[in-house]
PDB file of N, CA and C in Angstrom:
ATOM      1  N   MET A   1      53.083 -21.690 160.259  1.00  0.00           N
ATOM      2  CA  MET A   1      53.139 -20.867 159.069  1.00  0.00           C
ATOM      3  C   MET A   1      54.496 -20.155 159.043  1.00  0.00           C
ATOM      4  N   LYS A   2      55.118 -20.172 157.878  1.00  0.00           N
ATOM      5  CA  LYS A   2      56.423 -19.526 157.715  1.00  0.00           C
ATOM      6  C   LYS A   2      56.223 -18.118 157.173  1.00  0.00           C
ATOM      7  N   ILE A   3      56.940 -17.189 157.798  1.00  0.00           N
ATOM      8  CA  ILE A   3      56.802 -15.765 157.500  1.00  0.00           C
ATOM      9  C   ILE A   3      58.178 -15.178 157.210  1.00  0.00           C
ATOM     10  N   ALA A   4      58.189 -14.143 156.374  1.00  0.00           N
ATOM     11  CA  ALA A   4      59.411 -13.371 156.121  1.00  0.00           C
ATOM     12  C   ALA A   4      59.078 -11.890 156.253  1.00  0.00           C
ATOM     13  N   ILE A   5      60.117 -11.109 156.515  1.00  0.00           N
ATOM     14  CA  ILE A   5      59.974  -9.651 156.610  1.00  0.00           C
ATOM     15  C   ILE A   5      61.005  -9.020 155.685  1.00  0.00           C
ATOM     16  N   ALA A   6      60.563  -8.022 154.920  1.00  0.00           N
ATOM     17  CA  ALA A   6      61.479  -7.254 154.070  1.00  0.00           C
ATOM     18  C   ALA A   6      61.478  -5.812 154.536  1.00  0.00           C
ATOM     19  N   MET A   7      62.663  -5.245 154.608  1.00  0.00           N
ATOM     20  CA  MET A   7      62.787  -3.829 154.935  1.00  0.00           C
ATOM     21  C   MET A   7      63.448  -3.115 153.765  1.00  0.00           C
ATOM     22  N   CYS A   8      63.341  -1.816 153.737  1.00  0.00           N
ATOM     23  CA  CYS A   8      63.952  -1.026 152.683  1.00  0.00           C
ATOM     24  C   CYS A   8      65.475  -1.042 152.838  1.00  0.00           C
ATOM     25  N   GLY A   9      66.166  -1.336 151.767  1.00  0.00           N
ATOM     26  CA  GLY A   9      67.624  -1.360 151.802  1.00  0.00           C
ATOM     27  C   GLY A   9      68.248  -0.017 152.125  1.00  0.00           C
ATOM     28  N   LYS A  10      67.516   1.044 151.841  1.00  0.00           N
ATOM     29  CA  LYS A  10      68.057   2.379 152.112  1.00  0.00           C
ATOM     30  C   LYS A  10      68.010   2.741 153.595  1.00  0.00           C
ATOM     31  N   THR A  11      67.309   1.951 154.393  1.00  0.00           N
ATOM     32  CA  THR A  11      67.265   2.234 155.826  1.00  0.00           C
ATOM     33  C   THR A  11      68.331   1.463 156.597  1.00  0.00           C
ATOM     34  N   ALA A  12      69.034   0.561 155.917  1.00  0.00           N
ATOM     35  CA  ALA A  12      70.094  -0.201 156.575  1.00  0.00           C
ATOM     36  C   ALA A  12      71.104   0.764 157.182  1.00  0.00           C
ATOM     37  N   GLY A  13      71.466   0.515 158.401  1.00  0.00           N
ATOM     38  CA  GLY A  13      72.409   1.386 159.092  1.00  0.00           C
ATOM     39  C   GLY A  13      71.732   2.494 159.880  1.00  0.00           C
ATOM     40  N   ARG A  14      70.438   2.709 159.623  1.00  0.00           N
ATOM     41  CA  ARG A  14      69.684   3.720 160.372  1.00  0.00           C
ATOM     42  C   ARG A  14      68.589   3.087 161.214  1.00  0.00           C
ATOM     43  N   CYS A  15      68.148   1.919 160.807  1.00  0.00           N
ATOM     44  CA  CYS A  15      67.041   1.251 161.484  1.00  0.00           C
ATOM     45  C   CYS A  15      67.584   0.077 162.288  1.00  0.00           C
ATOM     46  N   SER A  16      67.157  -0.030 163.536  1.00  0.00           N
ATOM     47  CA  SER A  16      67.606  -1.135 164.387  1.00  0.00           C
ATOM     48  C   SER A  16      66.830  -2.419 164.108  1.00  0.00           C
ATOM     49  N   THR A  17      65.725  -2.349 163.426  1.00  0.00           N
ATOM     50  CA  THR A  17      64.780  -3.436 163.133  1.00  0.00           C
ATOM     51  C   THR A  17      64.039  -3.928 164.377  1.00  0.00           C
ATOM     52  N   MET A  18      64.245  -3.264 165.510  1.00  0.00           N
ATOM     53  CA  MET A  18      63.583  -3.693 166.740  1.00  0.00           C
ATOM     54  C   MET A  18      62.070  -3.594 166.660  1.00  0.00           C
ATOM     55  N   GLY A  19      61.544  -2.587 165.960  1.00  0.00           N
ATOM     56  CA  GLY A  19      60.091  -2.448 165.840  1.00  0.00           C
ATOM     57  C   GLY A  19      59.478  -3.642 165.158  1.00  0.00           C
ATOM     58  N   CYS A  20      60.096  -4.099 164.078  1.00  0.00           N
ATOM     59  CA  CYS A  20      59.588  -5.275 163.354  1.00  0.00           C
ATOM     60  C   CYS A  20      59.664  -6.522 164.229  1.00  0.00           C
ATOM     61  N   PHE A  21      60.803  -6.743 164.871  1.00  0.00           N
ATOM     62  CA  PHE A  21      60.962  -7.933 165.695  1.00  0.00           C
ATOM     63  C   PHE A  21      60.064  -7.899 166.923  1.00  0.00           C
ATOM     64  N   ARG A  22      59.925  -6.743 167.537  1.00  0.00           N
ATOM     65  CA  ARG A  22      59.048  -6.625 168.707  1.00  0.00           C
ATOM     66  C   ARG A  22      57.609  -6.957 168.320  1.00  0.00           C
ATOM     67  N   ALA A  23      57.136  -6.395 167.220  1.00  0.00           N
ATOM     68  CA  ALA A  23      55.769  -6.670 166.772  1.00  0.00           C
ATOM     69  C   ALA A  23      55.591  -8.155 166.460  1.00  0.00           C
ATOM     70  N   TYR A  24      56.566  -8.759 165.784  1.00  0.00           N
ATOM     71  CA  TYR A  24      56.471 -10.189 165.487  1.00  0.00           C
ATOM     72  C   TYR A  24      56.476 -11.013 166.774  1.00  0.00           C
ATOM     73  N   ASN A  25      57.441 -10.774 167.646  1.00  0.00           N
ATOM     74  CA  ASN A  25      57.564 -11.565 168.876  1.00  0.00           C
ATOM     75  C   ASN A  25      56.339 -11.448 169.772  1.00  0.00           C
ATOM     76  N   ASN A  26      55.734 -10.268 169.811  1.00  0.00           N
ATOM     77  CA  ASN A  26      54.556 -10.040 170.651  1.00  0.00           C
ATOM     78  C   ASN A  26      53.253 -10.342 169.923  1.00  0.00           C
ATOM     79  N   LYS A  27      53.370 -10.674 168.655  1.00  0.00           N
ATOM     80  CA  LYS A  27      52.205 -10.906 167.798  1.00  0.00           C
ATOM     81  C   LYS A  27      51.190  -9.775 167.948  1.00  0.00           C
ATOM     82  N   ASP A  28      51.707  -8.557 167.804  1.00  0.00           N
ATOM     83  CA  ASP A  28      50.805  -7.413 167.791  1.00  0.00           C
ATOM     84  C   ASP A  28      51.015  -6.613 166.513  1.00  0.00           C
ATOM     85  N   LYS A  29      50.324  -5.493 166.422  1.00  0.00           N
ATOM     86  CA  LYS A  29      50.311  -4.663 165.213  1.00  0.00           C
ATOM     87  C   LYS A  29      49.888  -5.526 164.014  1.00  0.00           C
ATOM     88  N   TYR A  30      50.672  -5.547 162.957  1.00  0.00           N
ATOM     89  CA  TYR A  30      50.301  -6.302 161.756  1.00  0.00           C
ATOM     90  C   TYR A  30      50.437  -7.815 161.913  1.00  0.00           C
ATOM     91  N   PHE A  31      51.051  -8.250 162.999  1.00  0.00           N
ATOM     92  CA  PHE A  31      51.195  -9.684 163.261  1.00  0.00           C
ATOM     93  C   PHE A  31      50.102 -10.214 164.188  1.00  0.00           C
ATOM     94  N   SER A  32      49.184  -9.370 164.598  1.00  0.00           N
ATOM     95  CA  SER A  32      48.128  -9.798 165.525  1.00  0.00           C
ATOM     96  C   SER A  32      47.225 -10.870 164.908  1.00  0.00           C
ATOM     97  N   VAL A  33      47.171 -10.949 163.598  1.00  0.00           N
ATOM     98  CA  VAL A  33      46.350 -11.979 162.939  1.00  0.00           C
ATOM     99  C   VAL A  33      46.874 -13.389 163.214  1.00  0.00           C
ATOM    100  N   TYR A  34      48.096 -13.491 163.727  1.00  0.00           N
ATOM    101  CA  TYR A  34      48.707 -14.790 164.009  1.00  0.00           C
ATOM    102  C   TYR A  34      48.625 -15.165 165.489  1.00  0.00           C
ATOM    103  N   LYS A  35      47.825 -14.453 166.279  1.00  0.00           N
ATOM    104  CA  LYS A  35      47.747 -14.696 167.732  1.00  0.00           C
ATOM    105  C   LYS A  35      47.588 -16.174 168.060  1.00  0.00           C
ATOM    106  N   ASP A  36      46.733 -16.863 167.333  1.00  0.00           N
ATOM    107  CA  ASP A  36      46.438 -18.265 167.619  1.00  0.00           C
ATOM    108  C   ASP A  36      47.029 -19.214 166.587  1.00  0.00           C
ATOM    109  N   ILE A  37      48.044 -18.746 165.870  1.00  0.00           N
ATOM    110  CA  ILE A  37      48.664 -19.555 164.827  1.00  0.00           C
ATOM    111  C   ILE A  37      50.149 -19.701 165.148  1.00  0.00           C
ATOM    112  N   ASP A  38      50.661 -20.905 165.035  1.00  0.00           N
ATOM    113  CA  ASP A  38      52.084 -21.159 165.237  1.00  0.00           C
ATOM    114  C   ASP A  38      52.837 -20.619 164.019  1.00  0.00           C
ATOM    115  N   THR A  39      53.765 -19.704 164.246  1.00  0.00           N
ATOM    116  CA  THR A  39      54.517 -19.099 163.139  1.00  0.00           C
ATOM    117  C   THR A  39      56.017 -19.265 163.352  1.00  0.00           C
ATOM    118  N   GLU A  40      56.728 -19.144 162.257  1.00  0.00           N
ATOM    119  CA  GLU A  40      58.187 -19.166 162.278  1.00  0.00           C
ATOM    120  C   GLU A  40      58.674 -18.036 161.377  1.00  0.00           C
ATOM    121  N   LEU A  41      59.468 -17.138 161.938  1.00  0.00           N
ATOM    122  CA  LEU A  41      60.075 -16.076 161.141  1.00  0.00           C
ATOM    123  C   LEU A  41      61.297 -16.683 160.473  1.00  0.00           C
ATOM    124  N   LEU A  42      61.172 -16.932 159.175  1.00  0.00           N
ATOM    125  CA  LEU A  42      62.205 -17.674 158.461  1.00  0.00           C
ATOM    126  C   LEU A  42      63.248 -16.772 157.814  1.00  0.00           C
ATOM    127  N   ALA A  43      62.857 -15.531 157.484  1.00  0.00           N
ATOM    128  CA  ALA A  43      63.800 -14.646 156.799  1.00  0.00           C
ATOM    129  C   ALA A  43      63.504 -13.191 157.120  1.00  0.00           C
ATOM    130  N   PHE A  44      64.570 -12.401 157.161  1.00  0.00           N
ATOM    131  CA  PHE A  44      64.494 -10.955 157.334  1.00  0.00           C
ATOM    132  C   PHE A  44      65.547 -10.381 156.398  1.00  0.00           C
ATOM    133  N   PHE A  45      65.121  -9.575 155.435  1.00  0.00           N
ATOM    134  CA  PHE A  45      66.071  -9.150 154.408  1.00  0.00           C
ATOM    135  C   PHE A  45      65.779  -7.736 153.924  1.00  0.00           C
ATOM    136  N   ASN A  46      66.776  -7.143 153.265  1.00  0.00           N
ATOM    137  CA  ASN A  46      66.626  -5.835 152.628  1.00  0.00           C
ATOM    138  C   ASN A  46      66.041  -6.020 151.242  1.00  0.00           C
ATOM    139  N   CYS A  47      65.115  -5.164 150.888  1.00  0.00           N
ATOM    140  CA  CYS A  47      64.472  -5.228 149.581  1.00  0.00           C
ATOM    141  C   CYS A  47      65.485  -4.953 148.458  1.00  0.00           C
ATOM    142  N   ASN A  48      66.116  -3.812 148.484  1.00  0.00           N
ATOM    143  CA  ASN A  48      67.128  -3.430 147.487  1.00  0.00           C
ATOM    144  C   ASN A  48      66.621  -3.328 146.054  1.00  0.00           C
ATOM    145  N   MET A  49      65.311  -3.200 145.873  1.00  0.00           N
ATOM    146  CA  MET A  49      64.737  -3.094 144.526  1.00  0.00           C
ATOM    147  C   MET A  49      65.331  -1.910 143.762  1.00  0.00           C
ATOM    148  N   CYS A  50      65.619  -0.837 144.442  1.00  0.00           N
ATOM    149  CA  CYS A  50      66.069   0.368 143.741  1.00  0.00           C
ATOM    150  C   CYS A  50      67.587   0.422 143.549  1.00  0.00           C
ATOM    151  N   PHE A  51      68.282  -0.637 143.913  1.00  0.00           N
ATOM    152  CA  PHE A  51      69.714  -0.702 143.690  1.00  0.00           C
ATOM    153  C   PHE A  51      70.006  -1.457 142.391  1.00  0.00           C
ATOM    154  N   GLU A  52      71.253  -1.472 141.969  1.00  0.00           N
ATOM    155  CA  GLU A  52      71.633  -2.132 140.721  1.00  0.00           C
ATOM    156  C   GLU A  52      71.205  -3.601 140.723  1.00  0.00           C
ATOM    157  N   ASN A  53      70.552  -4.013 139.657  1.00  0.00           N
ATOM    158  CA  ASN A  53      70.037  -5.380 139.501  1.00  0.00           C
ATOM    159  C   ASN A  53      69.089  -5.770 140.629  1.00  0.00           C
ATOM    160  N   GLY A  54      68.414  -4.783 141.188  1.00  0.00           N
ATOM    161  CA  GLY A  54      67.553  -5.013 142.342  1.00  0.00           C
ATOM    162  C   GLY A  54      66.433  -6.003 142.103  1.00  0.00           C
ATOM    163  N   GLU A  55      65.750  -5.867 140.987  1.00  0.00           N
ATOM    164  CA  GLU A  55      64.627  -6.774 140.725  1.00  0.00           C
ATOM    165  C   GLU A  55      65.121  -8.205 140.556  1.00  0.00           C
ATOM    166  N   GLU A  56      66.209  -8.376 139.849  1.00  0.00           N
ATOM    167  CA  GLU A  56      66.788  -9.710 139.652  1.00  0.00           C
ATOM    168  C   GLU A  56      67.163 -10.334 141.003  1.00  0.00           C
ATOM    169  N   LYS A  57      67.797  -9.554 141.857  1.00  0.00           N
ATOM    170  CA  LYS A  57      68.197 -10.054 143.179  1.00  0.00           C
ATOM    171  C   LYS A  57      66.973 -10.367 144.036  1.00  0.00           C
ATOM    172  N   LEU A  58      65.967  -9.519 143.958  1.00  0.00           N
ATOM    173  CA  LEU A  58      64.753  -9.728 144.738  1.00  0.00           C
ATOM    174  C   LEU A  58      64.025 -10.991 144.275  1.00  0.00           C
ATOM    175  N   LYS A  59      64.057 -11.259 142.985  1.00  0.00           N
ATOM    176  CA  LYS A  59      63.434 -12.480 142.466  1.00  0.00           C
ATOM    177  C   LYS A  59      64.158 -13.725 142.980  1.00  0.00           C
ATOM    178  N   LYS A  60      65.469 -13.654 143.126  1.00  0.00           N
ATOM    179  CA  LYS A  60      66.225 -14.784 143.683  1.00  0.00           C
ATOM    180  C   LYS A  60      65.801 -15.038 145.124  1.00  0.00           C
ATOM    181  N   ILE A  61      65.661 -13.960 145.887  1.00  0.00           N
ATOM    182  CA  ILE A  61      65.212 -14.098 147.268  1.00  0.00           C
ATOM    183  C   ILE A  61      63.805 -14.679 147.304  1.00  0.00           C
ATOM    184  N   ALA A  62      62.928 -14.162 146.461  1.00  0.00           N
ATOM    185  CA  ALA A  62      61.548 -14.642 146.416  1.00  0.00           C
ATOM    186  C   ALA A  62      61.500 -16.135 146.103  1.00  0.00           C
ATOM    187  N   ASN A  63      62.304 -16.584 145.181  1.00  0.00           N
ATOM    188  CA  ASN A  63      62.345 -18.010 144.848  1.00  0.00           C
ATOM    189  C   ASN A  63      62.849 -18.851 146.016  1.00  0.00           C
ATOM    190  N   LYS A  64      63.831 -18.344 146.748  1.00  0.00           N
ATOM    191  CA  LYS A  64      64.320 -19.060 147.935  1.00  0.00           C
ATOM    192  C   LYS A  64      63.218 -19.151 148.986  1.00  0.00           C
ATOM    193  N   LEU A  65      62.478 -18.053 149.164  1.00  0.00           N
ATOM    194  CA  LEU A  65      61.373 -18.079 150.122  1.00  0.00           C
ATOM    195  C   LEU A  65      60.339 -19.117 149.709  1.00  0.00           C
ATOM    196  N   LYS A  66      59.977 -19.118 148.442  1.00  0.00           N
ATOM    197  CA  LYS A  66      58.988 -20.072 147.935  1.00  0.00           C
ATOM    198  C   LYS A  66      59.481 -21.503 148.110  1.00  0.00           C
ATOM    199  N   ASP A  67      60.750 -21.754 147.779  1.00  0.00           N
ATOM    200  CA  ASP A  67      61.326 -23.097 147.924  1.00  0.00           C
ATOM    201  C   ASP A  67      61.296 -23.569 149.373  1.00  0.00           C
ATOM    202  N   ASN A  68      61.329 -22.617 150.306  1.00  0.00           N
ATOM    203  CA  ASN A  68      61.331 -22.945 151.734  1.00  0.00           C
ATOM    204  C   ASN A  68      59.963 -22.774 152.370  1.00  0.00           C
ATOM    205  N   LYS A  69      58.945 -22.700 151.521  1.00  0.00           N
ATOM    206  CA  LYS A  69      57.541 -22.721 151.946  1.00  0.00           C
ATOM    207  C   LYS A  69      57.093 -21.515 152.767  1.00  0.00           C
ATOM    208  N   VAL A  70      57.701 -20.348 152.513  1.00  0.00           N
ATOM    209  CA  VAL A  70      57.222 -19.117 153.141  1.00  0.00           C
ATOM    210  C   VAL A  70      55.876 -18.773 152.512  1.00  0.00           C
ATOM    211  N   GLU A  71      54.888 -18.499 153.359  1.00  0.00           N
ATOM    212  CA  GLU A  71      53.543 -18.201 152.878  1.00  0.00           C
ATOM    213  C   GLU A  71      53.216 -16.714 152.913  1.00  0.00           C
ATOM    214  N   LYS A  72      53.818 -16.001 153.852  1.00  0.00           N
ATOM    215  CA  LYS A  72      53.485 -14.590 154.046  1.00  0.00           C
ATOM    216  C   LYS A  72      54.753 -13.752 154.102  1.00  0.00           C
ATOM    217  N   LEU A  73      54.732 -12.644 153.384  1.00  0.00           N
ATOM    218  CA  LEU A  73      55.812 -11.674 153.449  1.00  0.00           C
ATOM    219  C   LEU A  73      55.239 -10.376 153.995  1.00  0.00           C
ATOM    220  N   HIS A  74      55.815  -9.911 155.082  1.00  0.00           N
ATOM    221  CA  HIS A  74      55.440  -8.609 155.625  1.00  0.00           C
ATOM    222  C   HIS A  74      56.463  -7.583 155.157  1.00  0.00           C
ATOM    223  N   LEU A  75      55.968  -6.506 154.584  1.00  0.00           N
ATOM    224  CA  LEU A  75      56.838  -5.394 154.204  1.00  0.00           C
ATOM    225  C   LEU A  75      56.883  -4.420 155.364  1.00  0.00           C
ATOM    226  N   GLY A  76      58.090  -4.095 155.813  1.00  0.00           N
ATOM    227  CA  GLY A  76      58.242  -3.116 156.872  1.00  0.00           C
ATOM    228  C   GLY A  76      57.675  -1.772 156.434  1.00  0.00           C
ATOM    229  N   VAL A  77      57.369  -0.948 157.408  1.00  0.00           N
ATOM    230  CA  VAL A  77      56.825   0.382 157.120  1.00  0.00           C
ATOM    231  C   VAL A  77      57.731   1.125 156.145  1.00  0.00           C
ATOM    232  N   CYS A  78      59.029   0.956 156.296  1.00  0.00           N
ATOM    233  CA  CYS A  78      59.995   1.622 155.416  1.00  0.00           C
ATOM    234  C   CYS A  78      59.826   1.166 153.970  1.00  0.00           C
ATOM    235  N   ALA A  79      59.538  -0.106 153.760  1.00  0.00           N
ATOM    236  CA  ALA A  79      59.345  -0.625 152.396  1.00  0.00           C
ATOM    237  C   ALA A  79      57.988  -0.206 151.833  1.00  0.00           C
ATOM    238  N   VAL A  80      56.982  -0.153 152.698  1.00  0.00           N
ATOM    239  CA  VAL A  80      55.648   0.271 152.254  1.00  0.00           C
ATOM    240  C   VAL A  80      55.690   1.717 151.772  1.00  0.00           C
ATOM    241  N   LYS A  81      56.480   2.524 152.441  1.00  0.00           N
ATOM    242  CA  LYS A  81      56.608   3.944 152.079  1.00  0.00           C
ATOM    243  C   LYS A  81      57.767   4.157 151.106  1.00  0.00           C
ATOM    244  N   CYS A  82      57.951   3.226 150.206  1.00  0.00           N
ATOM    245  CA  CYS A  82      59.061   3.240 149.256  1.00  0.00           C
ATOM    246  C   CYS A  82      59.207   4.604 148.586  1.00  0.00           C
ATOM    247  N   LYS A  83      60.320   5.239 148.826  1.00  0.00           N
ATOM    248  CA  LYS A  83      60.568   6.568 148.274  1.00  0.00           C
ATOM    249  C   LYS A  83      60.810   6.529 146.766  1.00  0.00           C
ATOM    250  N   GLU A  84      61.124   5.363 146.237  1.00  0.00           N
ATOM    251  CA  GLU A  84      61.357   5.209 144.800  1.00  0.00           C
ATOM    252  C   GLU A  84      60.066   4.833 144.071  1.00  0.00           C
ATOM    253  N   ASP A  85      58.965   4.729 144.803  1.00  0.00           N
ATOM    254  CA  ASP A  85      57.658   4.389 144.243  1.00  0.00           C
ATOM    255  C   ASP A  85      57.664   3.025 143.550  1.00  0.00           C
ATOM    256  N   ASN A  86      58.314   2.053 144.190  1.00  0.00           N
ATOM    257  CA  ASN A  86      58.411   0.697 143.646  1.00  0.00           C
ATOM    258  C   ASN A  86      57.510  -0.300 144.360  1.00  0.00           C
ATOM    259  N   LEU A  87      56.617   0.164 145.211  1.00  0.00           N
ATOM    260  CA  LEU A  87      55.837  -0.745 146.044  1.00  0.00           C
ATOM    261  C   LEU A  87      55.105  -1.809 145.232  1.00  0.00           C
ATOM    262  N   GLU A  88      54.413  -1.425 144.189  1.00  0.00           N
ATOM    263  CA  GLU A  88      53.649  -2.404 143.407  1.00  0.00           C
ATOM    264  C   GLU A  88      54.576  -3.414 142.723  1.00  0.00           C
ATOM    265  N   GLU A  89      55.721  -2.965 142.251  1.00  0.00           N
ATOM    266  CA  GLU A  89      56.674  -3.881 141.614  1.00  0.00           C
ATOM    267  C   GLU A  89      57.262  -4.850 142.634  1.00  0.00           C
ATOM    268  N   ILE A  90      57.538  -4.344 143.831  1.00  0.00           N
ATOM    269  CA  ILE A  90      58.067  -5.195 144.900  1.00  0.00           C
ATOM    270  C   ILE A  90      57.050  -6.283 145.226  1.00  0.00           C
ATOM    271  N   LYS A  91      55.813  -5.886 145.435  1.00  0.00           N
ATOM    272  CA  LYS A  91      54.763  -6.843 145.781  1.00  0.00           C
ATOM    273  C   LYS A  91      54.590  -7.896 144.686  1.00  0.00           C
ATOM    274  N   LYS A  92      54.637  -7.478 143.434  1.00  0.00           N
ATOM    275  CA  LYS A  92      54.422  -8.389 142.303  1.00  0.00           C
ATOM    276  C   LYS A  92      55.465  -9.505 142.257  1.00  0.00           C
ATOM    277  N   VAL A  93      56.703  -9.199 142.609  1.00  0.00           N
ATOM    278  CA  VAL A  93      57.753 -10.220 142.615  1.00  0.00           C
ATOM    279  C   VAL A  93      57.320 -11.411 143.478  1.00  0.00           C
ATOM    280  N   PHE A  94      56.669 -11.122 144.599  1.00  0.00           N
ATOM    281  CA  PHE A  94      56.279 -12.174 145.536  1.00  0.00           C
ATOM    282  C   PHE A  94      54.907 -12.760 145.225  1.00  0.00           C
ATOM    283  N   THR A  95      53.967 -11.918 144.855  1.00  0.00           N
ATOM    284  CA  THR A  95      52.628 -12.438 144.558  1.00  0.00           C
ATOM    285  C   THR A  95      52.638 -13.318 143.308  1.00  0.00           C
ATOM    286  N   ASP A  96      53.557 -13.064 142.390  1.00  0.00           N
ATOM    287  CA  ASP A  96      53.692 -13.929 141.219  1.00  0.00           C
ATOM    288  C   ASP A  96      54.062 -15.362 141.604  1.00  0.00           C
ATOM    289  N   LEU A  97      54.635 -15.517 142.805  1.00  0.00           N
ATOM    290  CA  LEU A  97      55.004 -16.846 143.306  1.00  0.00           C
ATOM    291  C   LEU A  97      54.015 -17.336 144.366  1.00  0.00           C
ATOM    292  N   ALA A  98      52.868 -16.676 144.441  1.00  0.00           N
ATOM    293  CA  ALA A  98      51.802 -17.046 145.389  1.00  0.00           C
ATOM    294  C   ALA A  98      52.217 -16.875 146.844  1.00  0.00           C
ATOM    295  N   ILE A  99      53.070 -15.895 147.095  1.00  0.00           N
ATOM    296  CA  ILE A  99      53.413 -15.505 148.461  1.00  0.00           C
ATOM    297  C   ILE A  99      52.568 -14.280 148.782  1.00  0.00           C
ATOM    298  N   ASP A 100      51.758 -14.375 149.831  1.00  0.00           N
ATOM    299  CA  ASP A 100      50.919 -13.252 150.233  1.00  0.00           C
ATOM    300  C   ASP A 100      51.785 -12.122 150.770  1.00  0.00           C
ATOM    301  N   VAL A 101      51.472 -10.910 150.372  1.00  0.00           N
ATOM    302  CA  VAL A 101      52.228  -9.742 150.830  1.00  0.00           C
ATOM    303  C   VAL A 101      51.327  -8.895 151.727  1.00  0.00           C
ATOM    304  N   ILE A 102      51.822  -8.618 152.918  1.00  0.00           N
ATOM    305  CA  ILE A 102      51.117  -7.790 153.877  1.00  0.00           C
ATOM    306  C   ILE A 102      51.903  -6.486 154.008  1.00  0.00           C
ATOM    307  N   GLU A 103      51.237  -5.381 153.836  1.00  0.00           N
ATOM    308  CA  GLU A 103      51.890  -4.077 153.914  1.00  0.00           C
ATOM    309  C   GLU A 103      51.931  -3.609 155.365  1.00  0.00           C
ATOM    310  N   GLY A 104      53.007  -3.932 156.044  1.00  0.00           N
ATOM    311  CA  GLY A 104      53.203  -3.442 157.398  1.00  0.00           C
ATOM    312  C   GLY A 104      53.743  -4.499 158.340  1.00  0.00           C
ATOM    313  N   THR A 105      54.401  -3.994 159.372  1.00  0.00           N
ATOM    314  CA  THR A 105      54.914  -4.835 160.453  1.00  0.00           C
ATOM    315  C   THR A 105      54.507  -4.217 161.791  1.00  0.00           C
ATOM    316  N   HIS A 106      54.880  -2.969 161.982  1.00  0.00           N
ATOM    317  CA  HIS A 106      54.570  -2.298 163.266  1.00  0.00           C
ATOM    318  C   HIS A 106      54.031  -0.913 163.036  1.00  0.00           C
TER     319      HIS A 106
END
Protein backbone atom coordinates (compact mmCIF):
# COMPACT_ATOMS: atom_id res chain seq x y z
CA MET A 1 0.00 0.00 0.00
CA LYS A 2 1.32 3.43 -0.95
CA ILE A 3 1.11 6.16 1.67
CA ALA A 4 1.84 9.88 1.77
CA ILE A 5 2.25 12.32 4.65
CA ALA A 6 1.38 16.03 4.60
CA MET A 7 2.62 18.51 7.15
CA CYS A 8 1.66 22.13 7.69
CA GLY A 9 3.74 24.46 5.54
CA LYS A 10 3.93 26.93 8.39
CA THR A 11 5.92 24.47 10.49
CA ALA A 12 8.70 24.14 7.90
CA GLY A 13 11.95 25.17 9.49
CA ARG A 14 10.66 24.44 13.00
CA CYS A 15 9.73 20.78 12.71
CA SER A 16 12.35 18.08 12.15
CA THR A 17 9.65 15.65 10.85
CA MET A 18 11.28 12.94 12.97
CA GLY A 19 8.03 12.20 14.83
CA CYS A 20 6.22 11.40 11.59
CA PHE A 21 9.05 9.28 10.22
CA ARG A 22 9.62 7.46 13.51
CA ALA A 23 5.93 6.56 13.77
CA TYR A 24 5.87 5.39 10.14
CA ASN A 25 9.10 3.38 10.39
CA ASN A 26 8.01 1.72 13.65
CA LYS A 27 4.44 1.30 12.45
CA ASP A 28 3.11 2.73 15.67
CA LYS A 29 0.74 5.54 16.65
CA TYR A 30 -1.49 6.28 13.63
CA PHE A 31 0.48 3.85 11.46
CA SER A 32 -0.17 0.86 13.73
CA VAL A 33 -3.03 -0.21 11.44
CA TYR A 34 -0.35 -1.21 8.91
CA LYS A 35 1.51 -3.63 11.26
CA ASP A 36 0.80 -6.59 8.98
CA ILE A 37 0.61 -4.70 5.70
CA ASP A 38 3.50 -3.98 3.34
CA THR A 39 3.63 -0.19 2.89
CA GLU A 40 5.70 2.30 0.96
CA LEU A 41 6.00 5.94 2.01
CA LEU A 42 5.84 7.52 -1.42
CA ALA A 43 5.59 11.22 -0.57
CA PHE A 44 6.13 13.70 2.25
CA PHE A 45 5.10 17.26 1.52
CA ASN A 46 3.98 20.61 2.93
CA CYS A 47 0.28 21.35 2.68
CA ASN A 48 0.60 25.09 1.95
CA MET A 49 -3.18 25.48 1.63
CA CYS A 50 -3.07 28.85 3.36
CA PHE A 51 -0.38 30.28 1.08
CA GLU A 52 -0.90 31.99 -2.28
CA ASN A 53 -2.61 29.64 -4.76
CA GLY A 54 -2.48 26.99 -2.06
CA GLU A 55 -5.55 25.04 -3.08
CA GLU A 56 -4.46 24.95 -6.73
CA LYS A 57 -1.00 23.71 -5.74
CA LEU A 58 -2.44 21.15 -3.34
CA LYS A 59 -4.71 19.82 -6.09
CA LYS A 60 -1.65 19.31 -8.33
CA ILE A 61 0.01 17.31 -5.58
CA ALA A 62 -3.17 15.32 -4.99
CA ASN A 63 -3.37 14.44 -8.68
CA LYS A 64 0.27 13.29 -8.68
CA LEU A 65 -0.45 11.11 -5.66
CA LYS A 66 -3.49 9.61 -7.37
CA ASP A 67 -1.54 9.02 -10.61
CA ASN A 68 1.06 7.15 -8.55
CA LYS A 69 -1.55 5.02 -6.78
CA VAL A 70 -1.28 6.51 -3.29
CA GLU A 71 -4.19 5.13 -1.28
CA LYS A 72 -3.75 6.80 2.10
CA LEU A 73 -2.74 10.30 3.12
CA HIS A 74 -1.79 10.91 6.72
CA LEU A 75 -2.04 14.49 7.91
CA GLY A 76 0.60 15.37 10.46
CA VAL A 77 -0.56 16.66 13.82
CA CYS A 78 0.45 20.14 12.66
CA ALA A 79 -1.89 19.90 9.65
CA VAL A 80 -4.74 18.44 11.71
CA LYS A 81 -4.49 21.42 14.06
CA CYS A 82 -4.60 23.83 11.12
CA LYS A 83 -4.48 27.32 12.57
CA GLU A 84 -6.17 28.70 9.45
CA ASP A 85 -9.15 26.36 9.99
CA ASN A 86 -8.69 24.74 6.56
CA LEU A 87 -8.77 21.11 7.69
CA GLU A 88 -12.02 20.17 5.93
CA GLU A 89 -10.93 21.88 2.70
CA ILE A 90 -7.56 20.14 2.83
CA LYS A 91 -9.19 16.75 3.31
CA LYS A 92 -11.69 17.37 0.48
CA VAL A 93 -8.91 17.94 -2.06
CA PHE A 94 -7.79 14.34 -1.49
CA THR A 95 -11.08 12.59 -0.76
CA ASP A 96 -12.47 13.98 -4.02
CA LEU A 97 -9.83 11.79 -5.70
CA ALA A 98 -10.69 8.76 -3.54
CA ILE A 99 -7.56 9.07 -1.42
CA ASP A 100 -8.34 8.16 2.19
CA VAL A 101 -7.30 10.84 4.66
CA ILE A 102 -6.18 9.87 8.15
CA GLU A 103 -5.93 12.66 10.71
CA GLY A 104 -2.64 12.01 12.46
CA THR A 105 0.81 10.52 12.28
CA HIS A 106 2.27 10.48 15.79
